[in-house]
N, C-alpha and C. Protein backbone atom coordinates (compact mmCIF):
# COMPACT_ATOMS: atom_id res chain seq x y z
N MET A 1 -36.02 30.75 51.52
CA MET A 1 -34.81 30.54 50.77
C MET A 1 -35.16 29.82 49.51
N ASN A 2 -34.65 30.26 48.40
CA ASN A 2 -34.88 29.64 47.12
C ASN A 2 -33.75 28.58 46.93
N GLN A 3 -34.10 27.34 46.97
CA GLN A 3 -33.17 26.27 46.82
C GLN A 3 -33.02 25.80 45.40
N ALA A 4 -33.86 26.31 44.48
CA ALA A 4 -33.87 25.80 43.12
C ALA A 4 -32.50 25.84 42.44
N PRO A 5 -31.72 26.87 42.56
CA PRO A 5 -30.43 26.88 41.87
C PRO A 5 -29.51 25.76 42.35
N LEU A 6 -29.51 25.52 43.65
CA LEU A 6 -28.69 24.41 44.21
C LEU A 6 -29.21 23.05 43.83
N LEU A 7 -30.50 22.92 43.88
CA LEU A 7 -31.08 21.65 43.56
C LEU A 7 -30.92 21.32 42.03
N ALA A 8 -30.93 22.34 41.20
CA ALA A 8 -30.68 22.15 39.76
C ALA A 8 -29.31 21.54 39.48
N ARG A 9 -28.41 21.75 40.39
CA ARG A 9 -27.02 21.21 40.25
C ARG A 9 -26.74 20.03 41.16
N LEU A 10 -27.81 19.37 41.57
CA LEU A 10 -27.68 18.19 42.49
C LEU A 10 -27.31 16.94 41.66
N ASP A 11 -26.04 16.94 41.30
CA ASP A 11 -25.57 15.89 40.38
C ASP A 11 -24.50 15.04 40.98
N SER A 12 -24.22 15.16 42.23
CA SER A 12 -23.15 14.39 42.88
C SER A 12 -23.39 14.33 44.37
N LEU A 13 -22.69 13.44 45.03
CA LEU A 13 -22.82 13.37 46.47
C LEU A 13 -22.27 14.64 47.08
N ASP A 14 -21.25 15.20 46.55
CA ASP A 14 -20.72 16.47 47.07
C ASP A 14 -21.74 17.59 46.94
N ALA A 15 -22.40 17.63 45.79
CA ALA A 15 -23.44 18.66 45.59
C ALA A 15 -24.58 18.45 46.57
N LEU A 16 -24.97 17.24 46.84
CA LEU A 16 -26.01 16.93 47.85
C LEU A 16 -25.56 17.45 49.25
N GLN A 17 -24.36 17.29 49.60
CA GLN A 17 -23.81 17.76 50.87
C GLN A 17 -23.73 19.28 50.84
N ALA A 18 -23.37 19.91 49.76
CA ALA A 18 -23.38 21.39 49.70
C ALA A 18 -24.77 21.90 49.87
N TRP A 19 -25.78 21.31 49.25
CA TRP A 19 -27.18 21.75 49.40
C TRP A 19 -27.58 21.61 50.86
N ARG A 20 -27.26 20.50 51.52
CA ARG A 20 -27.52 20.27 52.92
C ARG A 20 -27.00 21.40 53.78
N ASP A 21 -25.80 21.73 53.48
CA ASP A 21 -25.01 22.81 54.30
C ASP A 21 -25.74 24.12 54.15
N VAL A 22 -26.20 24.46 52.96
CA VAL A 22 -26.91 25.71 52.75
C VAL A 22 -28.25 25.68 53.51
N VAL A 23 -28.96 24.61 53.47
CA VAL A 23 -30.29 24.51 54.14
C VAL A 23 -30.05 24.68 55.66
N VAL A 24 -29.12 23.96 56.21
CA VAL A 24 -28.81 24.02 57.62
C VAL A 24 -28.28 25.40 58.02
N ASP A 25 -27.34 25.94 57.24
CA ASP A 25 -26.79 27.23 57.60
C ASP A 25 -27.87 28.35 57.54
N ALA A 26 -28.74 28.26 56.59
CA ALA A 26 -29.82 29.23 56.53
C ALA A 26 -30.76 29.15 57.78
N ALA A 27 -31.06 27.93 58.21
CA ALA A 27 -31.94 27.74 59.40
C ALA A 27 -31.08 28.16 60.69
N ARG A 28 -29.86 27.88 60.66
CA ARG A 28 -28.95 28.24 61.81
C ARG A 28 -28.93 29.76 62.01
N GLN A 29 -28.73 30.42 60.87
CA GLN A 29 -28.67 31.90 60.96
C GLN A 29 -29.96 32.52 61.48
N GLN A 30 -31.07 31.85 61.30
CA GLN A 30 -32.38 32.33 61.80
C GLN A 30 -32.67 31.76 63.18
N HIS A 31 -31.75 31.01 63.75
CA HIS A 31 -31.96 30.26 65.03
C HIS A 31 -33.25 29.39 64.91
N GLY A 32 -33.41 28.85 63.72
CA GLY A 32 -34.57 28.02 63.52
C GLY A 32 -35.92 28.71 63.25
N ALA A 33 -35.90 29.99 63.46
CA ALA A 33 -37.15 30.76 63.24
C ALA A 33 -37.60 30.73 61.78
N SER A 34 -38.85 30.88 61.61
CA SER A 34 -39.50 30.98 60.28
C SER A 34 -39.82 29.63 59.67
N GLY A 35 -39.02 28.61 59.90
CA GLY A 35 -39.34 27.30 59.36
C GLY A 35 -39.29 27.39 57.79
N CYS A 36 -40.32 26.82 57.24
CA CYS A 36 -40.42 26.78 55.75
C CYS A 36 -41.79 27.42 55.40
N ALA A 37 -41.75 28.38 54.48
CA ALA A 37 -42.98 29.05 54.09
C ALA A 37 -44.02 28.11 53.56
N LEU A 38 -43.58 27.21 52.76
CA LEU A 38 -44.42 26.18 52.13
C LEU A 38 -45.05 25.32 53.19
N GLY A 39 -44.20 24.88 54.17
CA GLY A 39 -44.71 24.05 55.30
C GLY A 39 -45.67 24.88 56.18
N SER A 40 -45.36 26.10 56.41
CA SER A 40 -46.26 26.93 57.22
C SER A 40 -47.61 27.11 56.54
N LEU A 41 -47.61 27.44 55.29
CA LEU A 41 -48.88 27.53 54.57
C LEU A 41 -49.63 26.22 54.56
N SER A 42 -48.96 25.20 54.41
CA SER A 42 -49.60 23.87 54.42
C SER A 42 -50.34 23.56 55.67
N SER A 43 -49.67 23.87 56.76
CA SER A 43 -50.34 23.62 58.11
C SER A 43 -51.52 24.53 58.36
N GLU A 44 -51.45 25.74 57.75
CA GLU A 44 -52.52 26.66 57.97
C GLU A 44 -53.72 26.47 57.05
N LEU A 45 -53.51 26.05 55.84
CA LEU A 45 -54.51 26.07 54.79
C LEU A 45 -55.05 24.72 54.38
N SER A 46 -54.20 23.66 54.45
CA SER A 46 -54.58 22.43 53.85
C SER A 46 -55.85 21.76 54.32
N ASP A 47 -56.11 21.92 55.61
CA ASP A 47 -57.34 21.25 56.14
C ASP A 47 -58.62 22.07 55.91
N HIS A 48 -58.45 23.28 55.39
CA HIS A 48 -59.63 24.16 55.23
C HIS A 48 -60.01 24.50 53.84
N HIS A 49 -59.03 24.44 52.91
CA HIS A 49 -59.21 24.88 51.56
C HIS A 49 -58.67 23.86 50.54
N THR A 50 -59.52 23.25 49.86
CA THR A 50 -59.16 22.28 48.88
C THR A 50 -58.17 22.83 47.80
N TRP A 51 -58.54 24.03 47.37
CA TRP A 51 -57.69 24.63 46.33
C TRP A 51 -56.29 24.92 46.84
N ALA A 52 -56.21 25.29 48.13
CA ALA A 52 -54.89 25.51 48.70
C ALA A 52 -54.09 24.25 48.87
N ARG A 53 -54.79 23.18 49.35
CA ARG A 53 -54.18 21.86 49.58
C ARG A 53 -53.65 21.32 48.20
N ASP A 54 -54.37 21.49 47.16
CA ASP A 54 -53.95 21.04 45.87
C ASP A 54 -52.73 21.80 45.37
N ALA A 55 -52.74 23.08 45.59
CA ALA A 55 -51.60 23.96 45.15
C ALA A 55 -50.34 23.59 45.94
N LEU A 56 -50.51 23.42 47.25
CA LEU A 56 -49.38 23.14 48.09
C LEU A 56 -48.89 21.70 47.84
N ALA A 57 -49.77 20.77 47.58
CA ALA A 57 -49.37 19.40 47.28
C ALA A 57 -48.50 19.42 45.97
N SER A 58 -48.97 20.22 45.03
CA SER A 58 -48.26 20.33 43.73
C SER A 58 -46.88 20.94 43.95
N SER A 59 -46.77 21.91 44.85
CA SER A 59 -45.43 22.52 45.13
C SER A 59 -44.52 21.53 45.80
N PHE A 60 -45.01 20.76 46.76
CA PHE A 60 -44.16 19.72 47.36
C PHE A 60 -43.78 18.66 46.36
N THR A 61 -44.67 18.29 45.50
CA THR A 61 -44.40 17.26 44.46
C THR A 61 -43.29 17.81 43.54
N ALA A 62 -43.43 19.08 43.16
CA ALA A 62 -42.39 19.68 42.26
C ALA A 62 -41.05 19.72 42.95
N TRP A 63 -41.00 20.08 44.28
CA TRP A 63 -39.74 20.06 45.01
C TRP A 63 -39.13 18.70 45.09
N ALA A 64 -39.98 17.68 45.36
CA ALA A 64 -39.48 16.30 45.39
C ALA A 64 -39.02 15.88 44.04
N ALA A 65 -39.66 16.32 42.97
CA ALA A 65 -39.24 15.94 41.55
C ALA A 65 -37.86 16.51 41.26
N VAL A 66 -37.59 17.73 41.72
CA VAL A 66 -36.25 18.29 41.45
C VAL A 66 -35.21 17.50 42.10
N ILE A 67 -35.48 17.12 43.38
CA ILE A 67 -34.46 16.30 44.16
C ILE A 67 -34.38 14.95 43.39
N ARG A 68 -35.48 14.36 42.99
CA ARG A 68 -35.46 13.06 42.26
C ARG A 68 -34.61 13.19 41.03
N GLU A 69 -34.77 14.28 40.28
CA GLU A 69 -33.96 14.41 39.07
C GLU A 69 -32.50 14.42 39.31
N GLY A 70 -32.09 15.05 40.46
CA GLY A 70 -30.66 15.02 40.74
C GLY A 70 -30.24 13.62 41.08
N LEU A 71 -31.04 12.92 41.81
CA LEU A 71 -30.66 11.51 42.15
C LEU A 71 -30.66 10.61 40.89
N LEU A 72 -31.63 10.89 40.00
CA LEU A 72 -31.60 10.09 38.75
C LEU A 72 -30.36 10.41 37.91
N GLY A 73 -29.93 11.65 38.01
CA GLY A 73 -28.70 12.02 37.36
C GLY A 73 -27.48 11.27 37.92
N MET A 74 -27.47 11.10 39.28
CA MET A 74 -26.42 10.34 39.91
C MET A 74 -26.52 8.88 39.51
N LEU A 75 -27.75 8.40 39.35
CA LEU A 75 -27.90 7.01 38.83
C LEU A 75 -27.35 6.82 37.42
N ALA A 76 -27.66 7.76 36.59
CA ALA A 76 -27.26 7.73 35.19
C ALA A 76 -25.73 7.78 35.08
N LYS A 77 -25.06 8.56 35.96
CA LYS A 77 -23.59 8.69 35.97
C LYS A 77 -22.95 7.50 36.62
N GLY A 78 -23.70 6.65 37.24
CA GLY A 78 -23.08 5.52 37.94
C GLY A 78 -22.62 5.84 39.37
N THR A 79 -23.01 7.06 39.89
CA THR A 79 -22.65 7.44 41.23
C THR A 79 -23.42 6.56 42.20
N LEU A 80 -24.67 6.31 41.93
CA LEU A 80 -25.51 5.45 42.78
C LEU A 80 -25.77 4.11 42.10
N ARG A 81 -26.01 3.11 42.91
CA ARG A 81 -26.29 1.75 42.44
C ARG A 81 -27.59 1.79 41.60
N PRO A 82 -27.69 0.92 40.63
CA PRO A 82 -28.87 0.87 39.75
C PRO A 82 -30.18 0.66 40.57
N GLN A 83 -30.06 -0.12 41.67
CA GLN A 83 -31.23 -0.43 42.54
C GLN A 83 -31.70 0.71 43.43
N ALA A 84 -30.95 1.76 43.47
CA ALA A 84 -31.32 2.94 44.34
C ALA A 84 -32.71 3.45 43.90
N ASP A 85 -33.59 3.67 44.86
CA ASP A 85 -34.92 4.11 44.58
C ASP A 85 -35.03 5.65 44.70
N ALA A 86 -34.80 6.35 43.56
CA ALA A 86 -34.72 7.77 43.51
C ALA A 86 -36.01 8.43 44.04
N ASP A 87 -37.13 7.86 43.74
CA ASP A 87 -38.46 8.38 44.17
C ASP A 87 -38.51 8.36 45.68
N ARG A 88 -38.18 7.21 46.26
CA ARG A 88 -38.31 7.10 47.77
C ARG A 88 -37.27 7.92 48.44
N LEU A 89 -36.07 7.92 47.92
CA LEU A 89 -34.99 8.74 48.56
C LEU A 89 -35.32 10.28 48.44
N ALA A 90 -35.87 10.71 47.42
CA ALA A 90 -36.20 12.10 47.23
C ALA A 90 -37.33 12.50 48.18
N LEU A 91 -38.28 11.65 48.26
CA LEU A 91 -39.41 11.85 49.21
C LEU A 91 -38.92 11.85 50.68
N ALA A 92 -38.08 10.96 50.97
CA ALA A 92 -37.54 10.92 52.35
C ALA A 92 -36.69 12.18 52.68
N LEU A 93 -35.88 12.64 51.69
CA LEU A 93 -35.12 13.83 51.88
C LEU A 93 -36.00 15.03 52.15
N LEU A 94 -37.08 15.17 51.29
CA LEU A 94 -37.95 16.28 51.47
C LEU A 94 -38.70 16.23 52.81
N ALA A 95 -39.05 14.99 53.26
CA ALA A 95 -39.75 14.90 54.56
C ALA A 95 -38.76 15.24 55.64
N ALA A 96 -37.55 14.89 55.46
CA ALA A 96 -36.44 15.17 56.51
C ALA A 96 -36.33 16.68 56.65
N VAL A 97 -36.30 17.37 55.48
CA VAL A 97 -36.15 18.83 55.49
C VAL A 97 -37.39 19.47 56.12
N GLN A 98 -38.57 19.09 55.80
CA GLN A 98 -39.79 19.68 56.28
C GLN A 98 -39.88 19.41 57.80
N GLY A 99 -39.74 18.17 58.19
CA GLY A 99 -39.89 17.87 59.60
C GLY A 99 -38.76 18.53 60.40
N GLY A 100 -37.49 18.57 59.86
CA GLY A 100 -36.43 19.19 60.57
C GLY A 100 -36.58 20.70 60.65
N LEU A 101 -37.20 21.38 59.64
CA LEU A 101 -37.45 22.81 59.73
C LEU A 101 -38.52 23.12 60.73
N LEU A 102 -39.56 22.28 60.84
CA LEU A 102 -40.57 22.40 61.80
C LEU A 102 -40.06 22.36 63.23
N LEU A 103 -39.27 21.39 63.47
CA LEU A 103 -38.69 21.21 64.77
C LEU A 103 -37.70 22.28 65.12
N ALA A 104 -36.96 22.79 64.11
CA ALA A 104 -35.98 23.82 64.33
C ALA A 104 -36.80 25.15 64.70
N GLN A 105 -37.93 25.29 64.06
CA GLN A 105 -38.73 26.53 64.38
C GLN A 105 -39.29 26.43 65.82
N ALA A 106 -39.68 25.23 66.27
CA ALA A 106 -40.18 25.13 67.64
C ALA A 106 -39.14 25.09 68.69
N GLN A 107 -37.99 24.49 68.37
CA GLN A 107 -36.93 24.32 69.31
C GLN A 107 -35.84 25.39 69.26
N ARG A 108 -35.84 26.19 68.17
CA ARG A 108 -34.84 27.22 68.01
C ARG A 108 -33.41 26.67 67.92
N THR A 109 -33.29 25.42 67.40
CA THR A 109 -32.04 24.85 67.17
C THR A 109 -32.13 24.00 65.93
N THR A 110 -30.99 23.80 65.26
CA THR A 110 -31.04 23.03 64.01
C THR A 110 -30.64 21.54 64.27
N ASP A 111 -30.55 21.10 65.50
CA ASP A 111 -30.19 19.76 65.78
C ASP A 111 -31.01 18.68 65.10
N ALA A 112 -32.29 18.84 65.15
CA ALA A 112 -33.22 17.85 64.49
C ALA A 112 -33.09 17.96 63.05
N LEU A 113 -32.95 19.10 62.44
CA LEU A 113 -32.89 19.30 61.04
C LEU A 113 -31.63 18.64 60.54
N GLU A 114 -30.53 18.84 61.24
CA GLU A 114 -29.25 18.19 60.87
C GLU A 114 -29.37 16.73 61.01
N ALA A 115 -29.92 16.19 62.04
CA ALA A 115 -30.06 14.73 62.27
C ALA A 115 -30.89 14.10 61.13
N ALA A 116 -32.03 14.73 60.84
CA ALA A 116 -32.90 14.19 59.78
C ALA A 116 -32.26 14.14 58.49
N ILE A 117 -31.67 15.31 57.99
CA ILE A 117 -31.11 15.36 56.70
C ILE A 117 -29.85 14.46 56.64
N ASP A 118 -29.08 14.53 57.62
CA ASP A 118 -27.86 13.64 57.66
C ASP A 118 -28.16 12.18 57.59
N THR A 119 -29.25 11.76 58.23
CA THR A 119 -29.66 10.37 58.19
C THR A 119 -30.04 9.94 56.80
N VAL A 120 -30.84 10.80 56.10
CA VAL A 120 -31.25 10.43 54.73
C VAL A 120 -30.01 10.59 53.77
N ILE A 121 -29.22 11.56 54.00
CA ILE A 121 -27.95 11.53 53.15
C ILE A 121 -27.11 10.35 53.33
N ALA A 122 -26.98 9.88 54.59
CA ALA A 122 -26.25 8.70 54.86
C ALA A 122 -26.85 7.45 54.12
N GLN A 123 -28.17 7.47 54.07
CA GLN A 123 -28.90 6.39 53.38
C GLN A 123 -28.56 6.47 51.86
N ILE A 124 -28.52 7.65 51.31
CA ILE A 124 -28.12 7.87 49.89
C ILE A 124 -26.65 7.44 49.69
N HIS A 125 -25.79 7.79 50.61
CA HIS A 125 -24.43 7.29 50.48
C HIS A 125 -24.33 5.78 50.49
N ASP A 126 -25.18 5.18 51.31
CA ASP A 126 -25.17 3.71 51.28
C ASP A 126 -25.54 3.09 49.94
N GLN A 127 -26.22 3.93 49.16
CA GLN A 127 -26.61 3.47 47.74
C GLN A 127 -25.48 3.78 46.74
N ALA A 128 -24.34 4.34 47.13
CA ALA A 128 -23.27 4.68 46.23
C ALA A 128 -22.75 3.48 45.59
N ALA A 129 -22.45 3.60 44.31
CA ALA A 129 -21.88 2.47 43.52
C ALA A 129 -20.39 2.35 43.97
N PRO A 130 -19.89 1.13 44.03
CA PRO A 130 -18.46 0.94 44.31
C PRO A 130 -17.63 1.66 43.28
N GLN A 131 -16.58 2.36 43.71
CA GLN A 131 -15.69 3.02 42.77
C GLN A 131 -14.41 2.23 42.53
């Protein structure tokens, strides 16, 4: 699933929730099968090929950077408190997606994916600026 268009519009808490729903719905439609292509490649190649590990690490870094940009946009708009750590939150959200997709693939249910993403999104909501 290409998440880039949704992540490019990650400029509000509502947009974050919409992205979450698309990720979960896509996994649910597959009954958790397939997981994440990037995650699958990483588990297969990273320990054996330095060039592959470097390319995969760059891909994960780029994915986290897009999430981070959305969070930085929310910081700039005052949606999130100034002390919100966009780097850490983006990394946690990416890790939640990857771990959740891996468990969904093994368990054939999106329960873990939903729990992981929802927990990180709740943490992001905790960083919302008072309105």
